[in-house]
Amino acid sequence: MLQIQRVSLWIGIALILITGLIHVIGAKHSFREAAYLGWLFWANGAGSFGLPYLPPQPHAWLYPLGVASLLVEGLFMAVFYFERKNL
């Protein structure tokens, strides 16, 4: 059981780091809309946290980085759910 928890912990860490990397890669495109948004994407990549109070941009979810981000974030949530269920 401890080994499974350790593996899922590292999977979760890797997934959230990949999410941060995706936001760092997408930051250069965000500077076109507004400079502060680009800097927020850099901060998001560095800290891998969400950006509260920004309107959703569902059209951006269909871009390759958006799809990758949604997949990785979904995997992260699945690992989180699996881990919570086994506690």
C-alpha atoms as a PDB file:
ATOM      1  CA  MET A   1       0.000   0.000   0.000  1.00  0.00           C
ATOM      2  CA  LEU A   2       2.822   2.416   0.861  1.00  0.00           C
ATOM      3  CA  GLN A   3       4.489   1.723  -2.502  1.00  0.00           C
ATOM      4  CA  ILE A   4       1.264   2.558  -4.366  1.00  0.00           C
ATOM      5  CA  GLN A   5       0.945   5.837  -2.443  1.00  0.00           C
ATOM      6  CA  ARG A   6       4.553   6.730  -3.242  1.00  0.00           C
ATOM      7  CA  VAL A   7       4.061   5.982  -6.946  1.00  0.00           C
ATOM      8  CA  SER A   8       0.839   7.993  -7.156  1.00  0.00           C
ATOM      9  CA  LEU A   9       2.531  10.876  -5.301  1.00  0.00           C
ATOM     10  CA  TRP A  10       5.301  10.999  -7.901  1.00  0.00           C
ATOM     11  CA  ILE A  11       2.815  10.665 -10.746  1.00  0.00           C
ATOM     12  CA  GLY A  12       0.859  13.607  -9.306  1.00  0.00           C
ATOM     13  CA  ILE A  13       4.036  15.674  -8.972  1.00  0.00           C
ATOM     14  CA  ALA A  14       5.035  14.904 -12.561  1.00  0.00           C
ATOM     15  CA  LEU A  15       1.577  15.762 -13.890  1.00  0.00           C
ATOM     16  CA  ILE A  16       1.390  19.119 -12.116  1.00  0.00           C
ATOM     17  CA  LEU A  17       4.901  19.967 -13.348  1.00  0.00           C
ATOM     18  CA  ILE A  18       3.842  19.120 -16.906  1.00  0.00           C
ATOM     19  CA  THR A  19       0.813  21.391 -16.460  1.00  0.00           C
ATOM     20  CA  GLY A  20       3.158  24.178 -15.368  1.00  0.00           C
ATOM     21  CA  LEU A  21       5.411  23.557 -18.369  1.00  0.00           C
ATOM     22  CA  ILE A  22       2.443  23.727 -20.731  1.00  0.00           C
ATOM     23  CA  HIS A  23       1.520  27.125 -19.271  1.00  0.00           C
ATOM     24  CA  VAL A  24       5.103  28.378 -19.635  1.00  0.00           C
ATOM     25  CA  ILE A  25       5.090  27.326 -23.296  1.00  0.00           C
ATOM     26  CA  GLY A  26       1.724  29.029 -23.855  1.00  0.00           C
ATOM     27  CA  ALA A  27       2.782  32.231 -22.100  1.00  0.00           C
ATOM     28  CA  LYS A  28       4.304  33.847 -25.200  1.00  0.00           C
ATOM     29  CA  HIS A  29       0.914  33.757 -26.935  1.00  0.00           C
ATOM     30  CA  SER A  30      -0.766  35.295 -23.879  1.00  0.00           C
ATOM     31  CA  PHE A  31       1.422  38.404 -24.098  1.00  0.00           C
ATOM     32  CA  ARG A  32      -0.392  39.272 -27.343  1.00  0.00           C
ATOM     33  CA  GLU A  33      -3.705  39.668 -25.516  1.00  0.00           C
ATOM     34  CA  ALA A  34      -2.401  41.576 -22.497  1.00  0.00           C
ATOM     35  CA  ALA A  35       1.079  41.806 -20.965  1.00  0.00           C
ATOM     36  CA  TYR A  36      -0.198  40.995 -17.477  1.00  0.00           C
ATOM     37  CA  LEU A  37      -1.844  37.812 -18.795  1.00  0.00           C
ATOM     38  CA  GLY A  38       1.487  36.639 -20.201  1.00  0.00           C
ATOM     39  CA  TRP A  39       3.172  37.289 -16.865  1.00  0.00           C
ATOM     40  CA  LEU A  40       0.370  35.439 -15.095  1.00  0.00           C
ATOM     41  CA  PHE A  41       0.945  32.454 -17.359  1.00  0.00           C
ATOM     42  CA  TRP A  42       4.646  32.550 -16.430  1.00  0.00           C
ATOM     43  CA  ALA A  43       3.672  32.678 -12.753  1.00  0.00           C
ATOM     44  CA  ASN A  44       1.227  29.837 -13.320  1.00  0.00           C
ATOM     45  CA  GLY A  45       3.984  27.804 -14.906  1.00  0.00           C
ATOM     46  CA  ALA A  46       6.347  28.544 -12.037  1.00  0.00           C
ATOM     47  CA  GLY A  47       3.812  27.821  -9.312  1.00  0.00           C
ATOM     48  CA  SER A  48       1.410  25.533 -11.220  1.00  0.00           C
ATOM     49  CA  PHE A  49      -1.655  27.240  -9.691  1.00  0.00           C
ATOM     50  CA  GLY A  50      -4.920  28.337 -11.313  1.00  0.00           C
ATOM     51  CA  LEU A  51      -5.743  31.877 -12.383  1.00  0.00           C
ATOM     52  CA  PRO A  52      -8.826  32.951 -10.432  1.00  0.00           C
ATOM     53  CA  TYR A  53     -11.382  35.467 -11.730  1.00  0.00           C
ATOM     54  CA  LEU A  54     -10.329  35.160 -15.359  1.00  0.00           C
ATOM     55  CA  PRO A  55     -13.135  34.259 -17.717  1.00  0.00           C
ATOM     56  CA  PRO A  56     -12.978  30.762 -19.183  1.00  0.00           C
ATOM     57  CA  GLN A  57     -11.631  30.540 -22.715  1.00  0.00           C
ATOM     58  CA  PRO A  58     -13.145  27.340 -24.098  1.00  0.00           C
ATOM     59  CA  HIS A  59     -11.930  28.161 -27.616  1.00  0.00           C
ATOM     60  CA  ALA A  60      -8.341  27.931 -26.328  1.00  0.00           C
ATOM     61  CA  TRP A  61      -8.998  24.413 -25.031  1.00  0.00           C
ATOM     62  CA  LEU A  62      -9.117  23.176 -28.618  1.00  0.00           C
ATOM     63  CA  TYR A  63      -5.562  24.332 -29.406  1.00  0.00           C
ATOM     64  CA  PRO A  64      -2.877  21.644 -29.079  1.00  0.00           C
ATOM     65  CA  LEU A  65      -1.514  23.073 -25.813  1.00  0.00           C
ATOM     66  CA  GLY A  66      -5.042  23.441 -24.474  1.00  0.00           C
ATOM     67  CA  VAL A  67      -5.850  19.803 -25.213  1.00  0.00           C
ATOM     68  CA  ALA A  68      -2.541  18.693 -23.659  1.00  0.00           C
ATOM     69  CA  SER A  69      -3.212  20.785 -20.562  1.00  0.00           C
ATOM     70  CA  LEU A  70      -6.727  19.393 -20.145  1.00  0.00           C
ATOM     71  CA  LEU A  71      -5.476  15.819 -20.521  1.00  0.00           C
ATOM     72  CA  VAL A  72      -2.691  16.276 -17.982  1.00  0.00           C
ATOM     73  CA  GLU A  73      -4.958  18.101 -15.529  1.00  0.00           C
ATOM     74  CA  GLY A  74      -7.571  15.347 -15.934  1.00  0.00           C
ATOM     75  CA  LEU A  75      -4.935  12.699 -15.211  1.00  0.00           C
ATOM     76  CA  PHE A  76      -3.861  14.674 -12.160  1.00  0.00           C
ATOM     77  CA  MET A  77      -7.443  14.731 -10.892  1.00  0.00           C
ATOM     78  CA  ALA A  78      -7.758  10.973 -11.529  1.00  0.00           C
ATOM     79  CA  VAL A  79      -4.612  10.305  -9.485  1.00  0.00           C
ATOM     80  CA  PHE A  80      -5.928  12.584  -6.743  1.00  0.00           C
ATOM     81  CA  TYR A  81      -9.291  10.766  -6.715  1.00  0.00           C
ATOM     82  CA  PHE A  82      -7.612   7.358  -6.696  1.00  0.00           C
ATOM     83  CA  GLU A  83      -5.393   8.391  -3.807  1.00  0.00           C
ATOM     84  CA  ARG A  84      -8.278   9.884  -1.775  1.00  0.00           C
ATOM     85  CA  LYS A  85     -10.380   6.782  -2.339  1.00  0.00           C
ATOM     86  CA  ASN A  86      -7.612   4.536  -0.987  1.00  0.00           C
ATOM     87  CA  LEU A  87      -7.063   6.506   2.225  1.00  0.00           C
END
